Protein backbone atom coordinates (compact mmCIF):
# COMPACT_ATOMS: atom_id res chain seq x y z
CA MET A 1 2.88 34.93 12.23
CA LEU A 2 1.50 32.31 14.42
CA LYS A 3 3.48 30.72 16.94
CA ILE A 4 4.51 27.10 16.75
CA VAL A 5 3.41 25.38 19.98
CA TYR A 6 4.39 21.95 18.76
CA PRO A 7 7.13 21.75 16.47
CA ILE A 8 7.05 17.91 16.06
CA CYS A 9 3.38 16.81 15.88
CA CYS A 10 1.26 14.53 14.04
CA GLY A 11 -1.95 14.62 12.31
CA ILE A 12 -4.29 11.35 11.62
CA ASP A 13 -7.21 11.21 9.30
CA VAL A 14 -9.20 8.27 10.81
CA HIS A 15 -11.54 5.63 8.70
CA LYS A 16 -12.81 2.37 9.58
CA LYS A 17 -10.40 0.20 7.19
CA PHE A 18 -7.08 2.50 7.58
CA VAL A 19 -5.74 6.04 8.99
CA VAL A 20 -3.48 8.65 6.96
CA ALA A 21 -0.89 10.01 9.54
CA THR A 22 1.33 13.06 8.76
CA VAL A 23 4.32 13.89 11.01
CA GLY A 24 5.33 17.75 10.60
CA THR A 25 8.76 18.64 11.74
CA THR A 26 9.12 22.31 11.99
CA ASN A 27 12.95 23.81 11.98
CA LYS A 28 14.01 26.77 13.60
CA SER A 29 13.20 28.84 10.56
CA GLY A 30 9.55 27.94 10.75
CA VAL A 31 9.76 25.65 7.76
CA THR A 32 7.97 22.33 8.24
CA ASP A 33 8.79 19.22 6.47
CA TYR A 34 5.60 16.65 6.01
CA GLN A 35 5.92 12.84 6.14
CA THR A 36 2.92 10.83 5.41
CA ARG A 37 1.94 7.34 5.89
CA GLN A 38 -0.99 5.11 5.73
CA PHE A 39 -1.73 2.21 8.00
CA PRO A 40 -4.57 -0.48 8.24
CA THR A 41 -6.50 -0.13 11.55
CA PHE A 42 -5.64 -3.81 12.65
CA THR A 43 -4.24 -3.71 16.13
CA GLU A 44 -0.77 -4.89 14.60
CA ASN A 45 -0.61 -1.88 11.90
CA LEU A 46 -1.62 0.47 14.94
CA HIS A 47 1.40 -0.80 16.65
CA GLN A 48 3.41 0.02 13.44
CA LEU A 49 2.11 3.48 13.40
CA LEU A 50 3.28 4.01 17.25
CA ASP A 51 6.57 2.76 16.35
CA TRP A 52 6.86 4.99 13.38
CA LEU A 53 5.71 8.04 15.74
CA LYS A 54 8.36 6.87 18.42
CA SER A 55 11.34 6.83 15.89
CA GLN A 56 10.24 10.50 14.63
CA SER A 57 10.21 11.76 18.27
CA CYS A 58 6.52 12.56 18.08
CA ILE A 59 4.34 12.53 21.04
CA ASN A 60 1.90 15.21 20.22
CA VAL A 61 -1.07 13.54 18.32
CA CYS A 62 -4.27 15.43 16.85
CA MET A 63 -6.99 13.33 15.28
CA GLU A 64 -10.75 14.01 14.35
CA SER A 65 -13.46 11.85 16.61
CA THR A 66 -15.00 10.22 13.24
CA GLY A 67 -17.97 7.91 14.87
CA LYS A 68 -16.18 5.18 16.99
CA TYR A 69 -13.37 4.90 14.60
CA TRP A 70 -11.15 6.65 16.49
CA HIS A 71 -11.08 4.51 19.89
CA PRO A 72 -9.09 2.01 18.56
CA VAL A 73 -6.17 4.58 17.66
CA PHE A 74 -7.02 6.32 20.78
CA ASN A 75 -6.39 2.84 22.77
CA ILE A 76 -2.78 2.33 21.23
CA LEU A 77 -1.54 5.52 21.17
CA GLU A 78 -3.00 6.78 24.81
CA ASP A 79 0.19 5.45 26.96
CA TYR A 80 2.94 7.40 24.74
CA CYS A 81 1.34 10.13 23.14
CA ASN A 82 -0.70 13.27 24.04
CA VAL A 83 -3.82 12.39 22.08
CA VAL A 84 -5.85 15.43 21.06
CA VAL A 85 -9.12 14.15 19.89
CA ALA A 86 -10.81 17.30 18.07
CA ASN A 87 -14.52 17.76 17.47
CA PRO A 88 -15.22 17.80 13.61
CA LYS A 89 -16.82 21.27 13.56
CA TYR A 90 -13.31 22.70 14.93
CA VAL A 91 -11.28 21.19 12.29
CA LYS A 92 -13.32 20.74 8.97
CA GLY A 93 -11.39 21.23 5.77
CA ILE A 94 -12.47 23.23 3.05
CA ARG A 95 -15.01 21.59 0.88
CA GLY A 96 -13.84 20.65 -2.68
CA LYS A 97 -10.15 20.51 -1.40
CA LYS A 98 -10.29 17.52 0.42
CA THR A 99 -8.37 14.24 0.15
CA ASP A 100 -7.07 11.99 3.04
CA LYS A 101 -3.62 13.16 2.98
CA LYS A 102 -4.68 16.86 2.84
CA ASP A 103 -6.91 16.30 5.67
CA SER A 104 -4.00 14.61 7.87
CA ILE A 105 -1.83 17.83 6.91
CA TRP A 106 -4.58 20.15 7.47
CA LEU A 107 -4.94 18.64 11.35
CA CYS A 108 -1.30 18.57 11.52
CA ASP A 109 -0.85 22.10 10.66
CA LEU A 110 -3.76 23.44 12.85
CA HIS A 111 -2.26 21.21 15.89
CA LYS A 112 1.31 22.50 15.54
CA HIS A 113 -0.16 26.09 16.27
CA GLY A 114 -2.01 24.83 19.13
CA LEU A 115 -5.54 25.70 17.47
CA VAL A 116 -7.39 22.42 18.06
CA PRO A 117 -9.26 22.64 21.31
CA ASN A 118 -9.15 19.04 22.92
CA SER A 119 -12.30 16.79 23.60
CA PHE A 120 -12.92 15.71 27.29
CA ILE A 121 -11.62 11.88 27.09
CA PRO A 122 -11.90 10.47 30.70
CA PRO A 123 -9.61 8.09 31.92
CA LEU A 124 -10.32 4.17 30.98
CA PRO A 125 -12.01 3.19 34.32
CA ILE A 126 -14.56 6.10 33.92
CA ARG A 127 -15.05 5.47 30.09
CA GLN A 128 -16.11 1.84 30.79
CA ILE A 129 -18.48 2.94 33.68
CA ARG A 130 -19.71 5.62 31.07
CA ASP A 131 -20.36 2.73 28.18
CA LEU A 132 -22.11 0.12 30.70
CA MET A 133 -24.26 3.22 32.07
CA ARG A 134 -25.24 4.20 28.63
CA TYR A 135 -25.98 1.04 27.66
CA ARG A 136 -28.50 0.64 31.19
CA PHE A 137 -30.18 3.87 29.88
CA LYS A 138 -30.72 2.07 26.34
CA LEU A 139 -31.94 -0.90 28.09
CA ILE A 140 -34.31 1.12 30.20
CA ASN A 141 -35.82 2.42 26.93
CA PHE A 142 -36.46 -0.69 25.47
CA LYS A 143 -38.15 -1.96 28.95
CA THR A 144 -40.30 1.19 28.52
CA SER A 145 -41.13 0.75 24.93
CA GLU A 146 -42.47 -3.00 25.68
CA LYS A 147 -44.36 -1.47 28.57
CA ASN A 148 -46.20 0.79 25.81
CA ARG A 149 -46.90 -2.36 23.59
CA ILE A 150 -48.31 -4.21 26.08
CA GLN A 151 -50.77 -1.32 27.17
CA ASN A 152 -51.67 -0.74 23.43
CA SER A 153 -52.69 -4.37 23.37
CA LEU A 154 -54.58 -3.71 26.55
CA THR A 155 -56.25 -0.85 24.97
CA VAL A 156 -57.59 -2.16 21.80
CA SER A 157 -58.60 -5.09 23.43
CA ASN A 158 -61.29 -3.20 25.65
CA ILE A 159 -59.48 -3.99 28.90
CA MET A 160 -59.21 -0.74 30.55
CA ILE A 161 -57.52 -1.45 33.72
CA SER A 162 -54.98 1.26 33.31
CA SER A 163 -57.96 3.49 34.21
CA VAL A 164 -58.61 1.70 37.71
CA VAL A 165 -55.13 0.97 39.05
CA SER A 166 -52.01 3.60 39.12
CA ASP A 167 -49.28 1.09 38.01
CA THR A 168 -50.33 -1.14 35.10
CA PHE A 169 -47.56 -3.59 35.66
CA GLY A 170 -47.68 -3.86 39.58
CA VAL A 171 -48.06 -7.05 41.31
CA SER A 172 -51.96 -7.11 41.58
CA SER A 173 -52.44 -5.99 37.64
CA MET A 174 -49.70 -8.36 36.47
CA LYS A 175 -51.47 -11.39 38.38
CA ILE A 176 -55.05 -10.23 36.67
CA ILE A 177 -53.13 -10.01 33.21
CA ASN A 178 -51.14 -13.30 33.29
CA HIS A 179 -54.53 -14.78 34.52
CA ILE A 180 -56.36 -13.50 31.28
CA LEU A 181 -53.32 -14.69 28.87
CA GLU A 182 -53.44 -18.08 30.29
CA ASN A 183 -57.34 -18.58 30.74
CA PRO A 184 -58.69 -16.41 28.24
CA ASP A 185 -61.93 -18.42 27.98
CA ASP A 186 -62.62 -17.68 31.91
CA LYS A 187 -64.79 -14.28 31.79
CA ASP A 188 -65.96 -14.43 35.31
CA PHE A 189 -63.11 -15.29 37.87
CA ASP A 190 -62.95 -13.73 41.12
CA VAL A 191 -60.20 -10.65 41.19
CA SER A 192 -60.32 -10.10 44.98
CA SER A 193 -57.85 -12.96 45.61
CA MET A 194 -55.51 -11.23 43.18
CA LEU A 195 -55.70 -7.90 44.68
CA HIS A 196 -53.60 -6.15 47.34
CA ALA A 197 -55.12 -5.30 50.69
CA SER A 198 -55.53 -1.64 49.61
CA MET A 199 -56.93 -2.55 46.52
CA GLN A 200 -59.75 -4.42 47.56
CA ASP A 201 -62.24 -1.53 47.53
CA LYS A 202 -61.66 -1.31 43.68
CA ALA A 203 -62.52 -5.09 43.16
CA ALA A 204 -65.76 -4.40 41.44
CA THR A 205 -64.66 -1.48 39.33
CA ILE A 206 -61.43 -3.63 38.06
CA THR A 207 -63.96 -6.35 37.56
CA LYS A 208 -65.76 -3.97 35.34
CA SER A 209 -62.60 -2.72 33.51
CA ILE A 210 -61.20 -6.06 32.42
CA ASN A 211 -64.31 -6.81 30.55
CA GLY A 212 -63.11 -6.90 27.31
CA ASN A 213 -62.47 -9.02 24.13
CA LEU A 214 -58.49 -10.26 24.01
CA THR A 215 -58.09 -11.82 20.58
CA LYS A 216 -55.56 -14.69 19.76
CA PRO A 217 -52.89 -12.39 17.68
CA GLN A 218 -53.34 -9.52 20.67
CA ALA A 219 -52.60 -12.42 23.17
CA ASP A 220 -49.55 -13.81 21.24
CA LYS A 221 -48.03 -10.22 20.84
CA MET A 222 -48.59 -9.65 24.73
CA ARG A 223 -47.01 -12.98 25.65
CA ILE A 224 -43.89 -11.99 23.49
CA CYS A 225 -43.56 -8.70 24.95
CA LEU A 226 -43.85 -10.00 28.41
CA GLY A 227 -41.10 -12.24 27.87
CA HIS A 228 -38.92 -9.56 26.23
CA PHE A 229 -39.85 -7.43 28.89
CA ASN A 230 -38.91 -9.94 31.82
CA ASN A 231 -35.57 -10.67 29.74
CA ILE A 232 -34.67 -6.86 29.57
CA GLU A 233 -35.42 -6.57 33.57
CA LYS A 234 -32.78 -9.65 34.17
CA HIS A 235 -30.30 -7.80 31.61
CA ILE A 236 -30.68 -4.58 33.50
CA ALA A 237 -29.80 -6.49 36.97
CA ASP A 238 -26.88 -8.03 35.60
CA ILE A 239 -25.23 -4.70 34.17
CA GLU A 240 -25.97 -3.16 37.52
CA THR A 241 -24.02 -5.98 39.27
CA ALA A 242 -21.25 -5.29 36.69
CA ILE A 243 -21.56 -1.55 37.04
CA LEU A 244 -21.34 -1.90 40.93
CA GLY A 245 -18.32 -3.72 40.70
CA LEU A 246 -16.60 -0.94 38.30
CA VAL A 247 -17.50 1.89 40.92
CA GLN A 248 -15.67 0.64 43.99
CA PRO A 249 -12.76 2.88 43.88
CA TYR A 250 -15.43 5.81 43.40
CA LEU A 251 -17.52 5.33 46.19
CA ALA A 252 -16.17 8.35 48.25
CA GLN A 253 -17.27 10.64 45.09
CA LEU A 254 -20.68 8.67 44.94
CA GLU A 255 -21.29 9.58 48.34
CA ILE A 256 -20.55 13.47 47.77
CA ILE A 257 -22.89 13.73 44.95
CA LEU A 258 -25.84 11.68 46.94
CA SER A 259 -25.41 14.47 49.34
CA LEU A 260 -27.26 16.74 46.92
CA PRO A 261 -30.94 17.05 47.65
CA SER A 262 -32.10 16.04 44.66
CA ILE A 263 -30.08 12.92 44.14
CA LYS A 264 -31.01 9.87 45.80
CA ASP A 265 -30.60 7.05 43.65
CA VAL A 266 -26.99 5.72 43.34
CA PHE A 267 -27.32 4.94 39.82
CA THR A 268 -27.88 8.39 39.07
CA ALA A 269 -24.83 9.40 40.86
CA ILE A 270 -22.72 6.54 38.65
CA ALA A 271 -24.42 8.23 35.60
CA ILE A 272 -22.93 11.67 36.52
CA ILE A 273 -19.35 9.95 37.32
CA GLY A 274 -19.41 8.23 34.29
CA GLU A 275 -20.21 11.33 32.05
CA ILE A 276 -17.83 14.11 34.02
CA GLY A 277 -15.23 11.91 35.74
CA CYS A 278 -13.84 12.74 39.21
CA ASP A 279 -10.85 15.12 38.35
CA MET A 280 -12.52 18.35 37.60
CA SER A 281 -8.85 19.92 36.62
CA ALA A 282 -10.11 18.33 33.33
CA PHE A 283 -12.37 21.50 33.04
CA HIS A 284 -10.83 24.71 33.12
CA SER A 285 -13.71 26.16 35.72
CA SER A 286 -17.21 25.38 36.44
CA LYS A 287 -18.57 27.69 33.81
CA HIS A 288 -16.38 25.34 30.86
CA LEU A 289 -18.10 22.18 32.80
CA CYS A 290 -21.61 23.52 32.19
CA SER A 291 -20.58 24.89 28.63
CA TRP A 292 -19.73 21.25 27.78
CA ALA A 293 -22.97 19.51 29.17
CA GLY A 294 -24.80 22.20 27.05
CA LEU A 295 -26.27 23.99 29.75
CA THR A 296 -25.49 27.74 29.11
CA PRO A 297 -26.39 30.06 26.49
CA GLN A 298 -24.26 30.28 23.01
CA ASN A 299 -22.44 33.19 21.81
CA ASN A 300 -23.87 34.13 18.35
CA GLU A 301 -23.40 37.69 17.82
CA SER A 302 -22.72 39.44 14.51
CA ALA A 303 -22.82 43.01 13.57
CA GLY A 304 -23.75 44.29 17.23
CA LYS A 305 -26.82 42.34 16.85
CA LYS A 306 -27.32 39.03 19.28
CA LYS A 307 -28.78 36.00 17.28
CA SER A 308 -29.96 32.76 18.87
CA VAL A 309 -28.69 32.23 22.27
CA ARG A 310 -30.41 28.92 23.50
CA VAL A 311 -28.57 26.22 24.75
CA SER A 312 -26.03 23.72 22.48
CA ARG A 313 -26.92 20.32 21.51
CA ALA A 314 -24.13 19.18 23.59
CA GLY A 315 -24.62 16.93 26.64
CA VAL A 316 -27.00 14.48 24.97
CA TYR A 317 -26.85 11.97 28.11
CA ILE A 318 -25.92 14.24 31.03
CA LYS A 319 -28.55 17.11 30.36
CA PRO A 320 -31.51 14.94 30.42
CA LEU A 321 -30.51 13.44 33.57
CA LEU A 322 -29.72 16.80 35.23
CA VAL A 323 -33.10 18.30 34.07
CA GLN A 324 -34.50 15.32 35.95
CA CYS A 325 -32.51 16.08 39.00
CA ALA A 326 -33.58 19.69 38.63
CA ASN A 327 -37.00 18.97 38.77
CA ALA A 328 -36.53 16.94 42.00
CA ALA A 329 -34.79 19.56 43.42
CA ILE A 330 -37.30 22.10 43.03
CA LYS A 331 -39.94 19.85 45.03
CA SER A 332 -37.30 19.45 47.84
CA LYS A 333 -38.30 20.48 51.25
CA LYS A 334 -35.05 20.15 52.87
CA CYS A 335 -33.65 22.54 50.77
CA THR A 336 -36.10 25.59 49.53
CA TYR A 337 -33.26 27.39 47.61
CA PHE A 338 -33.73 25.76 44.23
CA LYS A 339 -37.55 26.13 44.47
CA VAL A 340 -37.12 29.93 45.28
CA ARG A 341 -34.69 30.44 42.41
CA TYR A 342 -36.86 28.17 40.17
CA ASP A 343 -39.83 30.28 40.84
CA GLN A 344 -38.15 33.81 40.32
CA ILE A 345 -36.60 32.48 37.03
CA LYS A 346 -40.10 31.10 35.98
CA LYS A 347 -42.09 34.22 36.38
CA ARG A 348 -39.74 35.95 33.69
CA ARG A 349 -38.73 33.00 31.54
CA GLY A 350 -41.00 30.17 31.72
CA HIS A 351 -40.58 26.58 33.09
CA LYS A 352 -38.14 25.25 30.28
CA LYS A 353 -35.49 28.05 30.67
CA ALA A 354 -35.81 27.89 34.51
CA ILE A 355 -35.54 24.25 34.73
CA ILE A 356 -32.24 24.46 32.69
CA ALA A 357 -30.81 27.30 34.82
CA ILE A 358 -31.71 24.82 38.02
CA ALA A 359 -29.72 22.00 36.18
CA HIS A 360 -26.75 24.42 35.43
CA MET A 361 -26.75 25.41 39.49
CA LEU A 362 -26.66 21.55 40.29
CA LEU A 363 -23.60 21.03 37.98
CA ASN A 364 -22.04 23.96 39.50
CA CYS A 365 -22.77 22.55 42.82
CA ILE A 366 -21.13 18.98 41.60
CA TYR A 367 -18.06 20.49 40.12
CA HIS A 368 -17.21 22.26 43.54
CA MET A 369 -18.06 19.54 45.54
CA LEU A 370 -15.75 17.33 43.86
CA ASP A 371 -13.05 19.67 43.34
CA LYS A 372 -13.05 20.60 46.99
CA ASN A 373 -13.95 16.93 48.00
CA GLU A 374 -16.88 18.18 50.38
CA PRO A 375 -20.52 17.32 50.41
CA PHE A 376 -23.16 19.75 49.91
CA ASN A 377 -23.38 22.34 52.45
CA TYR A 378 -27.23 23.26 53.14
CA ASP A 379 -26.01 26.13 55.14
CA LEU A 380 -24.87 28.20 52.13
CA TYR A 381 -28.25 27.88 50.50
CA THR A 382 -30.45 29.15 52.89
CA ILE A 383 -29.50 32.94 52.63
CA ASP A 384 -32.20 33.42 49.91
CA SER A 385 -34.76 31.00 51.17
CA LYS A 386 -37.08 33.89 51.63
CA PRO A 387 -38.27 36.02 48.59
CA LYS A 388 -36.86 39.70 48.77
CA GLN A 389 -39.21 42.98 48.97
CA THR A 390 -39.61 44.32 45.73
CA TYR A 391 -41.76 47.30 46.95
CA ALA A 392 -41.25 50.04 49.11
CA PRO A 393 -42.34 49.71 52.80
CA GLN A 394 -44.00 53.02 52.81
CA ILE A 395 -45.15 55.05 49.96
CA THR A 396 -44.28 59.14 50.34
CA GLU A 397 -46.27 62.08 49.18
CA GLU A 398 -44.31 62.67 46.35
CA MET A 399 -44.77 58.95 44.94
CA THR A 400 -48.70 59.13 45.64
CA VAL A 401 -48.51 62.40 43.59
CA ARG A 402 -46.77 60.94 40.71
CA TYR A 403 -48.99 57.84 40.86
CA LEU A 404 -52.05 59.89 40.54
CA GLN A 405 -50.56 61.87 37.79
CA THR A 406 -50.16 58.91 35.75
CA LEU A 407 -53.99 58.04 36.04
CA GLY A 408 -54.61 61.44 34.43
CA TYR A 409 -55.57 63.38 37.61
CA GLN A 410 -54.40 66.99 37.88
CA ILE A 411 -52.88 67.69 41.01
CA PRO A 412 -52.68 71.41 42.02
CA ASP A 413 -49.46 72.46 43.32
CA MET A 414 -50.07 73.00 47.22
CA ARG A 415 -46.96 74.53 48.36
CA ILE A 416 -47.04 77.96 50.06
CA THR A 417 -45.04 80.86 47.83
CA THR A 418 -43.37 83.62 49.68
């Protein structure tokens, strides 16, 4: 018989318009009495849910993370109850035998035995930073999309300035593009006055590259895209100002993360803080954190055979960020340890697995740095900076004989027998 961990607990089946809550009270004989009630998801009704839980002396609550609908319930219950937000794959009911009431009872039964692993829910200030950083990430994606649309309009209009300059959206290039949009009939203007001093030697080539045919529809599209692009840049600046105001209590932790050799941008450090928080006691170990971030192989074994061990789909925000940091770390000249390890793994497993391994190492470093409140220690990563010798320094006579035999030579026994 399973042990009763929480004699009084509640399982909540969350929906958009209402929640179904079941409080299970288990007596000393192991018999559980269930009480089920339904509440709308308005704030007033969720406070009624909290009052009902208080009247039942229930402080242990389990609910499924259904989209964003669990957030209003969590906000109300967070201060009074120990709320476990469960991943749906761990608490999924039996298909064909599901109702809202049965789902809430099922959640209650699982939780009273302590069978539901809790999802990582950081404190409110970290959640606010996370929300704004994820929105900033979306805005940067929108900005990139507009860049691609503008570049597409230039290409179909035979304006090949991107083949000459390194940055199509640099100051000099944008002066030329804006002049073309404002003066579509001016075909023979002098570009030299618009170019930076380092680009003057490319003036003749740039003049050839902009000799295209920009039609009115394409020009109208580019004006709209450029206006949207400029607005997005302004919005990104505004949201970065708001983020910098929120991270003031965590400046010490940001300095620790910025001491890593691959992290130079403060917003990269803020994004990491927003995803994993500052309190590493929320994770059992650094291995637990890396598994939560989707940077470790999965366990998938049956009948003694290991099936796919690829990394999981978890960490959709932090994993790509750490992979970018890993690509920077293997190029660092200040700390060559990551480059050496990358080369060793790449020979055996390829680039993708090697870069995931480096991202795993970086997250391990971040865990221990935040846990010990210490910056990155370069001295600990100079031991293996030189590759180890994988061959014997001297070849003995026996090794030579064995090698020649593997090549098909017959070596007579030269030993003198007595």
